Amino acid sequence: MIEFIQNNPIFVASAYIACMFLIQAVSIVVAVWLGSKIAKGEPLVERKDAYMDVLTLPEEKEMEHEIEEPFVSWKPRTAENEDAEN
């Protein structure tokens, strides 16, 4: 019986097509599930605070509240600014 199925190309083709439909169905279900999580605004991966505590040093924990805005010195380019630089 197995030899008959293996030697008959219709059975092989139909099994191949069935596997392709199964893979497509699974990918559609996963895509819909991920899309619904994204649409609801839920995080895709749950983060654990315990892991973050291990990765952050005590100095960094203290500095988290002391973050200052970076100072950026930018001026539009004009003839006066170029003369002052040169």
PDB file of N, CA and C in Angstrom:
ATOM      1  N   MET A   1       0.826  -1.191   0.000  1.00  0.00           N
ATOM      2  CA  MET A   1       0.000   0.000   0.000  1.00  0.00           C
ATOM      3  C   MET A   1       0.876   1.264   0.000  1.00  0.00           C
ATOM      4  N   ILE A   2       1.926   1.275   0.829  1.00  0.00           N
ATOM      5  CA  ILE A   2       2.806   2.442   0.896  1.00  0.00           C
ATOM      6  C   ILE A   2       3.523   2.630  -0.435  1.00  0.00           C
ATOM      7  N   GLU A   3       3.947   1.537  -1.051  1.00  0.00           N
ATOM      8  CA  GLU A   3       4.618   1.636  -2.346  1.00  0.00           C
ATOM      9  C   GLU A   3       3.674   2.210  -3.403  1.00  0.00           C
ATOM     10  N   PHE A   4       2.408   1.853  -3.336  1.00  0.00           N
ATOM     11  CA  PHE A   4       1.432   2.376  -4.284  1.00  0.00           C
ATOM     12  C   PHE A   4       1.272   3.890  -4.104  1.00  0.00           C
ATOM     13  N   ILE A   5       1.221   4.327  -2.854  1.00  0.00           N
ATOM     14  CA  ILE A   5       1.071   5.758  -2.584  1.00  0.00           C
ATOM     15  C   ILE A   5       2.334   6.503  -3.009  1.00  0.00           C
ATOM     16  N   GLN A   6       3.502   5.949  -2.711  1.00  0.00           N
ATOM     17  CA  GLN A   6       4.751   6.627  -3.056  1.00  0.00           C
ATOM     18  C   GLN A   6       4.971   6.688  -4.567  1.00  0.00           C
ATOM     19  N   ASN A   7       4.537   5.663  -5.286  1.00  0.00           N
ATOM     20  CA  ASN A   7       4.757   5.626  -6.732  1.00  0.00           C
ATOM     21  C   ASN A   7       3.684   6.368  -7.516  1.00  0.00           C
ATOM     22  N   ASN A   8       2.599   6.760  -6.876  1.00  0.00           N
ATOM     23  CA  ASN A   8       1.530   7.455  -7.570  1.00  0.00           C
ATOM     24  C   ASN A   8       1.703   8.965  -7.356  1.00  0.00           C
ATOM     25  N   PRO A   9       1.995   9.700  -8.413  1.00  0.00           N
ATOM     26  CA  PRO A   9       2.276  11.131  -8.221  1.00  0.00           C
ATOM     27  C   PRO A   9       1.081  11.947  -7.741  1.00  0.00           C
ATOM     28  N   ILE A  10      -0.133  11.473  -7.958  1.00  0.00           N
ATOM     29  CA  ILE A  10      -1.305  12.223  -7.508  1.00  0.00           C
ATOM     30  C   ILE A  10      -1.364  12.254  -5.981  1.00  0.00           C
ATOM     31  N   PHE A  11      -1.051  11.157  -5.343  1.00  0.00           N
ATOM     32  CA  PHE A  11      -1.047  11.124  -3.886  1.00  0.00           C
ATOM     33  C   PHE A  11       0.053  12.023  -3.327  1.00  0.00           C
ATOM     34  N   VAL A  12       1.216  11.985  -3.967  1.00  0.00           N
ATOM     35  CA  VAL A  12       2.327  12.826  -3.506  1.00  0.00           C
ATOM     36  C   VAL A  12       1.973  14.295  -3.668  1.00  0.00           C
ATOM     37  N   ALA A  13       1.403  14.651  -4.798  1.00  0.00           N
ATOM     38  CA  ALA A  13       1.035  16.054  -5.042  1.00  0.00           C
ATOM     39  C   ALA A  13      -0.061  16.499  -4.085  1.00  0.00           C
ATOM     40  N   SER A  14      -1.044  15.636  -3.839  1.00  0.00           N
ATOM     41  CA  SER A  14      -2.123  16.030  -2.936  1.00  0.00           C
ATOM     42  C   SER A  14      -1.617  16.164  -1.496  1.00  0.00           C
ATOM     43  N   ALA A  15      -0.681  15.326  -1.085  1.00  0.00           N
ATOM     44  CA  ALA A  15      -0.101  15.458   0.256  1.00  0.00           C
ATOM     45  C   ALA A  15       0.701  16.747   0.356  1.00  0.00           C
ATOM     46  N   TYR A  16       1.438  17.089  -0.693  1.00  0.00           N
ATOM     47  CA  TYR A  16       2.205  18.326  -0.716  1.00  0.00           C
ATOM     48  C   TYR A  16       1.281  19.539  -0.628  1.00  0.00           C
ATOM     49  N   ILE A  17       0.212  19.510  -1.397  1.00  0.00           N
ATOM     50  CA  ILE A  17      -0.742  20.626  -1.379  1.00  0.00           C
ATOM     51  C   ILE A  17      -1.424  20.728  -0.013  1.00  0.00           C
ATOM     52  N   ALA A  18      -1.748  19.597   0.589  1.00  0.00           N
ATOM     53  CA  ALA A  18      -2.365  19.622   1.915  1.00  0.00           C
ATOM     54  C   ALA A  18      -1.420  20.225   2.956  1.00  0.00           C
ATOM     55  N   CYS A  19      -0.142  19.881   2.863  1.00  0.00           N
ATOM     56  CA  CYS A  19       0.836  20.466   3.794  1.00  0.00           C
ATOM     57  C   CYS A  19       0.967  21.969   3.573  1.00  0.00           C
ATOM     58  N   MET A  20       0.931  22.402   2.336  1.00  0.00           N
ATOM     59  CA  MET A  20       1.027  23.835   2.053  1.00  0.00           C
ATOM     60  C   MET A  20      -0.185  24.582   2.607  1.00  0.00           C
ATOM     61  N   PHE A  21      -1.382  23.996   2.470  1.00  0.00           N
ATOM     62  CA  PHE A  21      -2.577  24.622   3.034  1.00  0.00           C
ATOM     63  C   PHE A  21      -2.496  24.680   4.555  1.00  0.00           C
ATOM     64  N   LEU A  22      -1.952  23.640   5.164  1.00  0.00           N
ATOM     65  CA  LEU A  22      -1.812  23.632   6.621  1.00  0.00           C
ATOM     66  C   LEU A  22      -0.841  24.722   7.077  1.00  0.00           C
ATOM     67  N   ILE A  23       0.274  24.865   6.376  1.00  0.00           N
ATOM     68  CA  ILE A  23       1.235  25.910   6.724  1.00  0.00           C
ATOM     69  C   ILE A  23       0.605  27.291   6.538  1.00  0.00           C
ATOM     70  N   GLN A  24      -0.135  27.484   5.466  1.00  0.00           N
ATOM     71  CA  GLN A  24      -0.808  28.763   5.234  1.00  0.00           C
ATOM     72  C   GLN A  24      -1.824  29.058   6.335  1.00  0.00           C
ATOM     73  N   ALA A  25      -2.580  28.047   6.744  1.00  0.00           N
ATOM     74  CA  ALA A  25      -3.587  28.252   7.785  1.00  0.00           C
ATOM     75  C   ALA A  25      -2.933  28.649   9.102  1.00  0.00           C
ATOM     76  N   VAL A  26      -1.845  27.998   9.452  1.00  0.00           N
ATOM     77  CA  VAL A  26      -1.154  28.328  10.697  1.00  0.00           C
ATOM     78  C   VAL A  26      -0.593  29.747  10.632  1.00  0.00           C
ATOM     79  N   SER A  27      -0.016  30.119   9.500  1.00  0.00           N
ATOM     80  CA  SER A  27       0.547  31.467   9.390  1.00  0.00           C
ATOM     81  C   SER A  27      -0.549  32.528   9.437  1.00  0.00           C
ATOM     82  N   ILE A  28      -1.710  32.259   8.884  1.00  0.00           N
ATOM     83  CA  ILE A  28      -2.821  33.217   8.936  1.00  0.00           C
ATOM     84  C   ILE A  28      -3.308  33.374  10.376  1.00  0.00           C
ATOM     85  N   VAL A  29      -3.408  32.270  11.103  1.00  0.00           N
ATOM     86  CA  VAL A  29      -3.860  32.332  12.494  1.00  0.00           C
ATOM     87  C   VAL A  29      -2.865  33.135  13.332  1.00  0.00           C
ATOM     88  N   VAL A  30      -1.578  32.907  13.134  1.00  0.00           N
ATOM     89  CA  VAL A  30      -0.564  33.657  13.893  1.00  0.00           C
ATOM     90  C   VAL A  30      -0.609  35.131  13.525  1.00  0.00           C
ATOM     91  N   ALA A  31      -0.781  35.442  12.235  1.00  0.00           N
ATOM     92  CA  ALA A  31      -0.833  36.843  11.805  1.00  0.00           C
ATOM     93  C   ALA A  31      -2.042  37.554  12.403  1.00  0.00           C
ATOM     94  N   VAL A  32      -3.186  36.896  12.438  1.00  0.00           N
ATOM     95  CA  VAL A  32      -4.389  37.507  13.021  1.00  0.00           C
ATOM     96  C   VAL A  32      -4.212  37.705  14.522  1.00  0.00           C
ATOM     97  N   TRP A  33      -3.610  36.725  15.184  1.00  0.00           N
ATOM     98  CA  TRP A  33      -3.390  36.838  16.626  1.00  0.00           C
ATOM     99  C   TRP A  33      -2.443  37.995  16.942  1.00  0.00           C
ATOM    100  N   LEU A  34      -1.320  38.088  16.213  1.00  0.00           N
ATOM    101  CA  LEU A  34      -0.384  39.189  16.443  1.00  0.00           C
ATOM    102  C   LEU A  34      -1.015  40.539  16.083  1.00  0.00           C
ATOM    103  N   GLY A  35      -1.776  40.574  15.008  1.00  0.00           N
ATOM    104  CA  GLY A  35      -2.442  41.810  14.618  1.00  0.00           C
ATOM    105  C   GLY A  35      -3.433  42.289  15.660  1.00  0.00           C
ATOM    106  N   SER A  36      -4.155  41.362  16.277  1.00  0.00           N
ATOM    107  CA  SER A  36      -5.109  41.766  17.310  1.00  0.00           C
ATOM    108  C   SER A  36      -4.386  42.287  18.547  1.00  0.00           C
ATOM    109  N   LYS A  37      -3.236  41.690  18.889  1.00  0.00           N
ATOM    110  CA  LYS A  37      -2.475  42.201  20.035  1.00  0.00           C
ATOM    111  C   LYS A  37      -1.938  43.596  19.744  1.00  0.00           C
ATOM    112  N   ILE A  38      -1.457  43.814  18.529  1.00  0.00           N
ATOM    113  CA  ILE A  38      -0.933  45.129  18.166  1.00  0.00           C
ATOM    114  C   ILE A  38      -2.052  46.159  18.134  1.00  0.00           C
ATOM    115  N   ALA A  39      -3.218  45.779  17.616  1.00  0.00           N
ATOM    116  CA  ALA A  39      -4.340  46.715  17.535  1.00  0.00           C
ATOM    117  C   ALA A  39      -4.840  47.107  18.926  1.00  0.00           C
ATOM    118  N   LYS A  40      -4.793  46.184  19.876  1.00  0.00           N
ATOM    119  CA  LYS A  40      -5.215  46.495  21.234  1.00  0.00           C
ATOM    120  C   LYS A  40      -4.162  47.283  21.994  1.00  0.00           C
ATOM    121  N   GLY A  41      -2.943  47.308  21.480  1.00  0.00           N
ATOM    122  CA  GLY A  41      -1.865  48.019  22.147  1.00  0.00           C
ATOM    123  C   GLY A  41      -1.193  47.205  23.227  1.00  0.00           C
ATOM    124  N   GLU A  42      -1.408  45.911  23.238  1.00  0.00           N
ATOM    125  CA  GLU A  42      -0.768  45.061  24.235  1.00  0.00           C
ATOM    126  C   GLU A  42       0.681  44.803  23.828  1.00  0.00           C
ATOM    127  N   PRO A  43       1.563  44.632  24.805  1.00  0.00           N
ATOM    128  CA  PRO A  43       2.951  44.308  24.454  1.00  0.00           C
ATOM    129  C   PRO A  43       3.041  42.889  23.900  1.00  0.00           C
ATOM    130  N   LEU A  44       3.904  42.705  22.933  1.00  0.00           N
ATOM    131  CA  LEU A  44       4.066  41.373  22.345  1.00  0.00           C
ATOM    132  C   LEU A  44       4.819  40.450  23.275  1.00  0.00           C
ATOM    133  N   VAL A  45       5.725  41.019  24.089  1.00  0.00           N
ATOM    134  CA  VAL A  45       6.510  40.230  25.032  1.00  0.00           C
ATOM    135  C   VAL A  45       6.345  40.850  26.412  1.00  0.00           C
ATOM    136  N   GLU A  46       6.000  40.027  27.380  1.00  0.00           N
ATOM    137  CA  GLU A  46       5.863  40.512  28.743  1.00  0.00           C
ATOM    138  C   GLU A  46       7.251  40.673  29.341  1.00  0.00           C
ATOM    139  N   ARG A  47       7.533  41.853  29.890  1.00  0.00           N
ATOM    140  CA  ARG A  47       8.845  42.096  30.484  1.00  0.00           C
ATOM    141  C   ARG A  47       8.771  41.853  31.982  1.00  0.00           C
ATOM    142  N   LYS A  48       9.786  41.254  32.486  1.00  0.00           N
ATOM    143  CA  LYS A  48       9.881  41.010  33.919  1.00  0.00           C
ATOM    144  C   LYS A  48      10.833  42.026  34.532  1.00  0.00           C
ATOM    145  N   ASP A  49      10.423  42.664  35.620  1.00  0.00           N
ATOM    146  CA  ASP A  49      11.275  43.663  36.262  1.00  0.00           C
ATOM    147  C   ASP A  49      12.491  43.023  36.906  1.00  0.00           C
ATOM    148  N   ALA A  50      12.376  41.745  37.286  1.00  0.00           N
ATOM    149  CA  ALA A  50      13.509  41.087  37.939  1.00  0.00           C
ATOM    150  C   ALA A  50      14.698  41.007  36.996  1.00  0.00           C
ATOM    151  N   TYR A  51      14.450  40.755  35.725  1.00  0.00           N
ATOM    152  CA  TYR A  51      15.549  40.691  34.773  1.00  0.00           C
ATOM    153  C   TYR A  51      16.191  42.063  34.614  1.00  0.00           C
ATOM    154  N   MET A  52      15.391  43.100  34.614  1.00  0.00           N
ATOM    155  CA  MET A  52      15.936  44.444  34.443  1.00  0.00           C
ATOM    156  C   MET A  52      16.762  44.849  35.673  1.00  0.00           C
ATOM    157  N   ASP A  53      16.386  44.391  36.871  1.00  0.00           N
ATOM    158  CA  ASP A  53      17.157  44.709  38.056  1.00  0.00           C
ATOM    159  C   ASP A  53      18.536  44.069  38.012  1.00  0.00           C
ATOM    160  N   VAL A  54      18.621  42.881  37.448  1.00  0.00           N
ATOM    161  CA  VAL A  54      19.902  42.205  37.349  1.00  0.00           C
ATOM    162  C   VAL A  54      20.808  42.941  36.367  1.00  0.00           C
ATOM    163  N   LEU A  55      20.238  43.479  35.306  1.00  0.00           N
ATOM    164  CA  LEU A  55      21.035  44.103  34.264  1.00  0.00           C
ATOM    165  C   LEU A  55      21.444  45.538  34.576  1.00  0.00           C
ATOM    166  N   THR A  56      20.780  46.198  35.517  1.00  0.00           N
ATOM    167  CA  THR A  56      21.119  47.593  35.815  1.00  0.00           C
ATOM    168  C   THR A  56      21.976  47.655  37.072  1.00  0.00           C
ATOM    169  N   LEU A  57      22.993  48.463  37.007  1.00  0.00           N
ATOM    170  CA  LEU A  57      23.872  48.657  38.160  1.00  0.00           C
ATOM    171  C   LEU A  57      23.219  49.613  39.155  1.00  0.00           C
ATOM    172  N   PRO A  58      23.600  49.560  40.425  1.00  0.00           N
ATOM    173  CA  PRO A  58      22.996  50.466  41.413  1.00  0.00           C
ATOM    174  C   PRO A  58      23.192  51.934  41.065  1.00  0.00           C
ATOM    175  N   GLU A  59      24.348  52.277  40.461  1.00  0.00           N
ATOM    176  CA  GLU A  59      24.576  53.669  40.101  1.00  0.00           C
ATOM    177  C   GLU A  59      23.585  54.114  39.029  1.00  0.00           C
ATOM    178  N   GLU A  60      23.277  53.211  38.107  1.00  0.00           N
ATOM    179  CA  GLU A  60      22.340  53.559  37.036  1.00  0.00           C
ATOM    180  C   GLU A  60      20.932  53.752  37.593  1.00  0.00           C
ATOM    181  N   LYS A  61      20.565  52.986  38.604  1.00  0.00           N
ATOM    182  CA  LYS A  61      19.241  53.146  39.204  1.00  0.00           C
ATOM    183  C   LYS A  61      19.094  54.525  39.829  1.00  0.00           C
ATOM    184  N   GLU A  62      20.168  55.002  40.489  1.00  0.00           N
ATOM    185  CA  GLU A  62      20.113  56.314  41.099  1.00  0.00           C
ATOM    186  C   GLU A  62      20.079  57.408  40.042  1.00  0.00           C
ATOM    187  N   MET A  63      20.766  57.188  38.940  1.00  0.00           N
ATOM    188  CA  MET A  63      20.860  58.210  37.911  1.00  0.00           C
ATOM    189  C   MET A  63      19.621  58.277  37.022  1.00  0.00           C
ATOM    190  N   GLU A  64      18.741  57.281  37.094  1.00  0.00           N
ATOM    191  CA  GLU A  64      17.550  57.285  36.241  1.00  0.00           C
ATOM    192  C   GLU A  64      16.704  58.535  36.470  1.00  0.00           C
ATOM    193  N   HIS A  65      16.670  59.028  37.693  1.00  0.00           N
ATOM    194  CA  HIS A  65      15.842  60.188  38.004  1.00  0.00           C
ATOM    195  C   HIS A  65      16.567  61.498  37.709  1.00  0.00           C
ATOM    196  N   GLU A  66      17.865  61.452  37.463  1.00  0.00           N
ATOM    197  CA  GLU A  66      18.658  62.651  37.281  1.00  0.00           C
ATOM    198  C   GLU A  66      19.023  62.894  35.816  1.00  0.00           C
ATOM    199  N   ILE A  67      18.278  62.360  34.911  1.00  0.00           N
ATOM    200  CA  ILE A  67      18.597  62.526  33.493  1.00  0.00           C
ATOM    201  C   ILE A  67      18.273  63.957  33.084  1.00  0.00           C
ATOM    202  N   GLU A  68      19.263  64.625  32.499  1.00  0.00           N
ATOM    203  CA  GLU A  68      19.083  65.991  32.047  1.00  0.00           C
ATOM    204  C   GLU A  68      18.973  66.010  30.535  1.00  0.00           C
ATOM    205  N   GLU A  69      18.347  67.041  30.048  1.00  0.00           N
ATOM    206  CA  GLU A  69      18.251  67.199  28.597  1.00  0.00           C
ATOM    207  C   GLU A  69      19.623  67.558  28.044  1.00  0.00           C
ATOM    208  N   PRO A  70      20.013  66.983  26.943  1.00  0.00           N
ATOM    209  CA  PRO A  70      21.325  67.323  26.386  1.00  0.00           C
ATOM    210  C   PRO A  70      21.333  68.748  25.839  1.00  0.00           C
ATOM    211  N   PHE A  71      22.455  69.412  26.008  1.00  0.00           N
ATOM    212  CA  PHE A  71      22.604  70.780  25.520  1.00  0.00           C
ATOM    213  C   PHE A  71      23.087  70.723  24.076  1.00  0.00           C
ATOM    214  N   VAL A  72      22.315  71.303  23.194  1.00  0.00           N
ATOM    215  CA  VAL A  72      22.684  71.321  21.784  1.00  0.00           C
ATOM    216  C   VAL A  72      22.835  72.772  21.367  1.00  0.00           C
ATOM    217  N   SER A  73      24.016  73.092  20.888  1.00  0.00           N
ATOM    218  CA  SER A  73      24.262  74.443  20.423  1.00  0.00           C
ATOM    219  C   SER A  73      24.131  74.440  18.909  1.00  0.00           C
ATOM    220  N   TRP A  74      23.061  74.988  18.418  1.00  0.00           N
ATOM    221  CA  TRP A  74      22.827  75.016  16.984  1.00  0.00           C
ATOM    222  C   TRP A  74      22.325  76.386  16.595  1.00  0.00           C
ATOM    223  N   LYS A  75      22.919  76.927  15.575  1.00  0.00           N
ATOM    224  CA  LYS A  75      22.485  78.218  15.056  1.00  0.00           C
ATOM    225  C   LYS A  75      22.298  78.066  13.552  1.00  0.00           C
ATOM    226  N   PRO A  76      21.343  78.777  13.006  1.00  0.00           N
ATOM    227  CA  PRO A  76      21.205  78.716  11.552  1.00  0.00           C
ATOM    228  C   PRO A  76      22.419  79.345  10.875  1.00  0.00           C
ATOM    229  N   ARG A  77      22.786  78.809   9.743  1.00  0.00           N
ATOM    230  CA  ARG A  77      23.965  79.300   9.041  1.00  0.00           C
ATOM    231  C   ARG A  77      23.652  80.624   8.350  1.00  0.00           C
ATOM    232  N   THR A  78      24.351  81.631   8.751  1.00  0.00           N
ATOM    233  CA  THR A  78      24.226  82.959   8.139  1.00  0.00           C
ATOM    234  C   THR A  78      25.627  83.475   7.828  1.00  0.00           C
ATOM    235  N   ALA A  79      25.692  84.579   7.133  1.00  0.00           N
ATOM    236  CA  ALA A  79      26.988  85.164   6.781  1.00  0.00           C
ATOM    237  C   ALA A  79      27.710  85.640   8.036  1.00  0.00           C
ATOM    238  N   GLU A  80      26.985  86.148   9.027  1.00  0.00           N
ATOM    239  CA  GLU A  80      27.613  86.637  10.257  1.00  0.00           C
ATOM    240  C   GLU A  80      28.235  85.479  11.040  1.00  0.00           C
ATOM    241  N   ASN A  81      27.532  84.340  11.122  1.00  0.00           N
ATOM    242  CA  ASN A  81      28.063  83.187  11.843  1.00  0.00           C
ATOM    243  C   ASN A  81      29.311  82.644  11.168  1.00  0.00           C
ATOM    244  N   GLU A  82      29.325  82.597   9.846  1.00  0.00           N
ATOM    245  CA  GLU A  82      30.499  82.087   9.138  1.00  0.00           C
ATOM    246  C   GLU A  82      31.693  83.020   9.324  1.00  0.00           C
ATOM    247  N   ASP A  83      31.455  84.335   9.338  1.00  0.00           N
ATOM    248  CA  ASP A  83      32.551  85.275   9.559  1.00  0.00           C
ATOM    249  C   ASP A  83      33.123  85.130  10.966  1.00  0.00           C
ATOM    250  N   ALA A  84      32.251  84.881  11.944  1.00  0.00           N
ATOM    251  CA  ALA A  84      32.705  84.749  13.327  1.00  0.00           C
ATOM    252  C   ALA A  84      33.523  83.469  13.505  1.00  0.00           C
ATOM    253  N   GLU A  85      33.162  82.411  12.810  1.00  0.00           N
ATOM    254  CA  GLU A  85      33.905  81.157  12.919  1.00  0.00           C
ATOM    255  C   GLU A  85      35.272  81.263  12.256  1.00  0.00           C
ATOM    256  N   ASN A  86      35.347  81.985  11.140  1.00  0.00           N
ATOM    257  CA  ASN A  86      36.617  82.095  10.398  1.00  0.00           C
ATOM    258  C   ASN A  86      37.404  83.187  11.006  1.00  0.00           C
TER     259      ASN A  86
END
